[in-house]
Amino acid sequence: MTSIKDIPRAAVEGAMVHPSIDALPDTPDLAVVLSPPPDVPALVAALAARGTRAALIRQSFDGADPDGRLQQAILEAARST
């Protein structure tokens, strides 16, 4: 199975996708994050460090964050810059 990380440039339904935040050609104003819950804080931190001002996180945290630590980590990552 080929991962998006193995493809230098790809499109999903006409929208360009990139294997990492560092590979983006420009800093996005808004990022849509569709990743497993444990990966979200690091992604949000990388986006914030790059200058992205907003992120829409499309992920269910049901059962993945019973004590709220993951959501708190995401908030802290977003406020880190």
N, C-alpha and C. Protein backbone atom coordinates (compact mmCIF):
# COMPACT_ATOMS: atom_id res chain seq x y z
N MET A 1 0.84 -1.17 0.00
CA MET A 1 0.00 0.00 0.00
C MET A 1 0.89 1.24 0.00
N THR A 2 0.58 2.19 -0.84
CA THR A 2 1.35 3.42 -0.93
C THR A 2 0.78 4.46 0.02
N SER A 3 1.64 5.09 0.77
CA SER A 3 1.25 6.16 1.68
C SER A 3 1.44 7.50 0.99
N ILE A 4 0.68 8.50 1.40
CA ILE A 4 0.84 9.85 0.85
C ILE A 4 2.27 10.35 1.09
N LYS A 5 2.92 9.85 2.13
CA LYS A 5 4.30 10.27 2.41
C LYS A 5 5.28 9.79 1.34
N ASP A 6 4.86 8.78 0.57
CA ASP A 6 5.71 8.23 -0.48
C ASP A 6 5.53 8.94 -1.82
N ILE A 7 4.56 9.82 -1.89
CA ILE A 7 4.24 10.50 -3.15
C ILE A 7 4.64 11.97 -3.02
N PRO A 8 5.52 12.48 -3.88
CA PRO A 8 5.96 13.86 -3.75
C PRO A 8 4.83 14.88 -3.97
N ARG A 9 3.93 14.61 -4.89
CA ARG A 9 2.78 15.48 -5.14
C ARG A 9 1.59 14.59 -5.46
N ALA A 10 0.46 14.90 -4.88
CA ALA A 10 -0.74 14.12 -5.15
C ALA A 10 -1.95 15.02 -5.01
N ALA A 11 -3.06 14.58 -5.56
CA ALA A 11 -4.31 15.33 -5.45
C ALA A 11 -5.40 14.38 -4.97
N VAL A 12 -6.27 14.90 -4.14
CA VAL A 12 -7.45 14.18 -3.69
C VAL A 12 -8.65 15.02 -4.12
N GLU A 13 -9.42 14.47 -5.03
CA GLU A 13 -10.58 15.17 -5.59
C GLU A 13 -10.21 16.58 -6.06
N GLY A 14 -9.06 16.68 -6.70
CA GLY A 14 -8.63 17.95 -7.29
C GLY A 14 -7.85 18.87 -6.36
N ALA A 15 -7.81 18.58 -5.08
CA ALA A 15 -7.08 19.41 -4.12
C ALA A 15 -5.69 18.81 -3.90
N MET A 16 -4.67 19.64 -4.01
CA MET A 16 -3.30 19.16 -3.79
C MET A 16 -3.12 18.78 -2.32
N VAL A 17 -2.43 17.68 -2.11
CA VAL A 17 -2.08 17.24 -0.77
C VAL A 17 -0.57 17.11 -0.69
N HIS A 18 -0.04 17.25 0.50
CA HIS A 18 1.40 17.23 0.71
C HIS A 18 1.73 16.27 1.85
N PRO A 19 2.90 15.64 1.82
CA PRO A 19 3.22 14.61 2.80
C PRO A 19 3.51 15.14 4.20
N SER A 20 3.75 16.43 4.33
CA SER A 20 4.03 16.99 5.64
C SER A 20 3.76 18.49 5.63
N ILE A 21 3.70 19.07 6.79
CA ILE A 21 3.51 20.52 6.90
C ILE A 21 4.71 21.25 6.32
N ASP A 22 5.90 20.72 6.53
CA ASP A 22 7.11 21.35 5.98
C ASP A 22 7.12 21.35 4.45
N ALA A 23 6.39 20.43 3.83
CA ALA A 23 6.36 20.33 2.37
C ALA A 23 5.36 21.28 1.72
N LEU A 24 4.57 21.98 2.51
CA LEU A 24 3.61 22.92 1.94
C LEU A 24 4.33 24.06 1.23
N PRO A 25 3.87 24.44 0.05
CA PRO A 25 4.54 25.53 -0.67
C PRO A 25 4.29 26.90 -0.04
N ASP A 26 3.17 27.06 0.65
CA ASP A 26 2.81 28.32 1.30
C ASP A 26 2.25 28.02 2.68
N THR A 27 2.19 29.04 3.52
CA THR A 27 1.57 28.90 4.84
C THR A 27 0.06 29.04 4.68
N PRO A 28 -0.70 28.04 5.08
CA PRO A 28 -2.15 28.15 4.94
C PRO A 28 -2.76 29.09 5.98
N ASP A 29 -3.82 29.79 5.57
CA ASP A 29 -4.57 30.59 6.53
C ASP A 29 -5.39 29.69 7.44
N LEU A 30 -5.89 28.61 6.86
CA LEU A 30 -6.71 27.63 7.58
C LEU A 30 -6.24 26.23 7.20
N ALA A 31 -6.07 25.39 8.19
CA ALA A 31 -5.70 23.99 7.95
C ALA A 31 -6.85 23.11 8.39
N VAL A 32 -7.14 22.09 7.61
CA VAL A 32 -8.12 21.07 7.98
C VAL A 32 -7.31 19.84 8.37
N VAL A 33 -7.42 19.44 9.62
CA VAL A 33 -6.63 18.34 10.16
C VAL A 33 -7.50 17.08 10.23
N LEU A 34 -7.08 16.06 9.48
CA LEU A 34 -7.77 14.77 9.45
C LEU A 34 -6.75 13.69 9.79
N SER A 35 -6.42 13.59 11.04
CA SER A 35 -5.39 12.66 11.49
C SER A 35 -5.84 11.97 12.77
N PRO A 36 -5.21 10.85 13.11
CA PRO A 36 -5.56 10.18 14.36
C PRO A 36 -5.35 11.12 15.55
N PRO A 37 -6.21 11.04 16.56
CA PRO A 37 -6.13 11.96 17.69
C PRO A 37 -4.74 12.13 18.31
N PRO A 38 -3.94 11.08 18.50
CA PRO A 38 -2.63 11.29 19.11
C PRO A 38 -1.68 12.17 18.29
N ASP A 39 -1.91 12.26 16.97
CA ASP A 39 -1.05 13.06 16.10
C ASP A 39 -1.43 14.54 16.06
N VAL A 40 -2.64 14.87 16.49
CA VAL A 40 -3.16 16.22 16.31
C VAL A 40 -2.37 17.29 17.05
N PRO A 41 -1.98 17.13 18.33
CA PRO A 41 -1.23 18.21 18.99
C PRO A 41 0.05 18.61 18.25
N ALA A 42 0.82 17.63 17.78
CA ALA A 42 2.07 17.95 17.07
C ALA A 42 1.78 18.64 15.74
N LEU A 43 0.73 18.23 15.06
CA LEU A 43 0.36 18.88 13.80
C LEU A 43 -0.06 20.32 14.03
N VAL A 44 -0.87 20.54 15.05
CA VAL A 44 -1.32 21.90 15.36
C VAL A 44 -0.13 22.77 15.77
N ALA A 45 0.80 22.22 16.54
CA ALA A 45 2.00 22.98 16.93
C ALA A 45 2.83 23.34 15.70
N ALA A 46 2.99 22.41 14.77
CA ALA A 46 3.77 22.69 13.56
C ALA A 46 3.08 23.74 12.70
N LEU A 47 1.77 23.66 12.60
CA LEU A 47 1.02 24.67 11.84
C LEU A 47 1.14 26.04 12.49
N ALA A 48 1.02 26.09 13.81
CA ALA A 48 1.14 27.37 14.53
C ALA A 48 2.53 27.96 14.35
N ALA A 49 3.55 27.12 14.43
CA ALA A 49 4.93 27.60 14.27
C ALA A 49 5.15 28.16 12.87
N ARG A 50 4.44 27.61 11.92
CA ARG A 50 4.57 28.07 10.54
C ARG A 50 3.79 29.35 10.28
N GLY A 51 2.84 29.68 11.17
CA GLY A 51 2.07 30.91 11.02
C GLY A 51 0.62 30.71 10.64
N THR A 52 0.16 29.48 10.60
CA THR A 52 -1.26 29.21 10.31
C THR A 52 -2.09 29.73 11.47
N ARG A 53 -3.13 30.48 11.15
CA ARG A 53 -3.91 31.16 12.18
C ARG A 53 -5.12 30.37 12.67
N ALA A 54 -5.54 29.33 11.92
CA ALA A 54 -6.73 28.57 12.32
C ALA A 54 -6.62 27.14 11.83
N ALA A 55 -7.20 26.23 12.61
CA ALA A 55 -7.23 24.83 12.22
C ALA A 55 -8.61 24.26 12.53
N LEU A 56 -9.15 23.54 11.59
CA LEU A 56 -10.40 22.83 11.77
C LEU A 56 -10.02 21.37 11.97
N ILE A 57 -10.34 20.83 13.12
CA ILE A 57 -9.97 19.45 13.45
C ILE A 57 -11.21 18.59 13.27
N ARG A 58 -11.17 17.71 12.29
CA ARG A 58 -12.28 16.82 11.98
C ARG A 58 -11.94 15.43 12.51
N GLN A 59 -12.18 15.24 13.78
CA GLN A 59 -11.83 13.97 14.40
C GLN A 59 -12.71 13.77 15.62
N SER A 60 -13.14 12.55 15.83
CA SER A 60 -13.88 12.22 17.03
C SER A 60 -12.89 11.81 18.11
N PHE A 61 -13.05 12.37 19.28
CA PHE A 61 -12.17 12.02 20.39
C PHE A 61 -12.88 11.06 21.36
N ASP A 62 -14.03 10.53 20.95
CA ASP A 62 -14.77 9.60 21.80
C ASP A 62 -13.88 8.43 22.18
N GLY A 63 -13.67 8.25 23.46
CA GLY A 63 -12.88 7.14 23.95
C GLY A 63 -11.38 7.34 23.84
N ALA A 64 -10.94 8.26 22.99
CA ALA A 64 -9.51 8.47 22.79
C ALA A 64 -8.94 9.46 23.80
N ASP A 65 -9.81 10.18 24.50
CA ASP A 65 -9.34 11.24 25.39
C ASP A 65 -10.24 11.33 26.63
N PRO A 66 -10.33 10.24 27.42
CA PRO A 66 -11.28 10.24 28.53
C PRO A 66 -11.01 11.29 29.60
N ASP A 67 -9.76 11.69 29.77
CA ASP A 67 -9.45 12.68 30.81
C ASP A 67 -9.24 14.09 30.26
N GLY A 68 -9.40 14.27 28.95
CA GLY A 68 -9.28 15.60 28.35
C GLY A 68 -7.86 16.08 28.11
N ARG A 69 -6.87 15.26 28.38
CA ARG A 69 -5.47 15.69 28.21
C ARG A 69 -5.11 15.97 26.76
N LEU A 70 -5.64 15.18 25.87
CA LEU A 70 -5.34 15.37 24.45
C LEU A 70 -5.91 16.70 23.95
N GLN A 71 -7.13 16.99 24.31
CA GLN A 71 -7.72 18.26 23.90
C GLN A 71 -6.98 19.44 24.53
N GLN A 72 -6.53 19.29 25.77
CA GLN A 72 -5.76 20.34 26.42
C GLN A 72 -4.41 20.52 25.70
N ALA A 73 -3.79 19.44 25.29
CA ALA A 73 -2.53 19.52 24.55
C ALA A 73 -2.71 20.25 23.22
N ILE A 74 -3.86 20.02 22.58
CA ILE A 74 -4.14 20.71 21.31
C ILE A 74 -4.28 22.20 21.55
N LEU A 75 -5.00 22.58 22.58
CA LEU A 75 -5.16 24.00 22.91
C LEU A 75 -3.80 24.65 23.22
N GLU A 76 -2.98 23.97 23.99
CA GLU A 76 -1.66 24.51 24.32
C GLU A 76 -0.79 24.64 23.08
N ALA A 77 -0.88 23.67 22.18
CA ALA A 77 -0.11 23.73 20.94
C ALA A 77 -0.55 24.91 20.08
N ALA A 78 -1.84 25.15 20.04
CA ALA A 78 -2.37 26.26 19.25
C ALA A 78 -1.95 27.61 19.83
N ARG A 79 -1.81 27.67 21.12
CA ARG A 79 -1.45 28.93 21.78
C ARG A 79 0.05 29.11 21.93
N SER A 80 0.83 28.18 21.41
CA SER A 80 2.28 28.18 21.65
C SER A 80 3.03 29.29 20.93
N THR A 81 2.41 29.96 19.97
CA THR A 81 3.13 31.01 19.26
C THR A 81 2.59 32.37 19.60
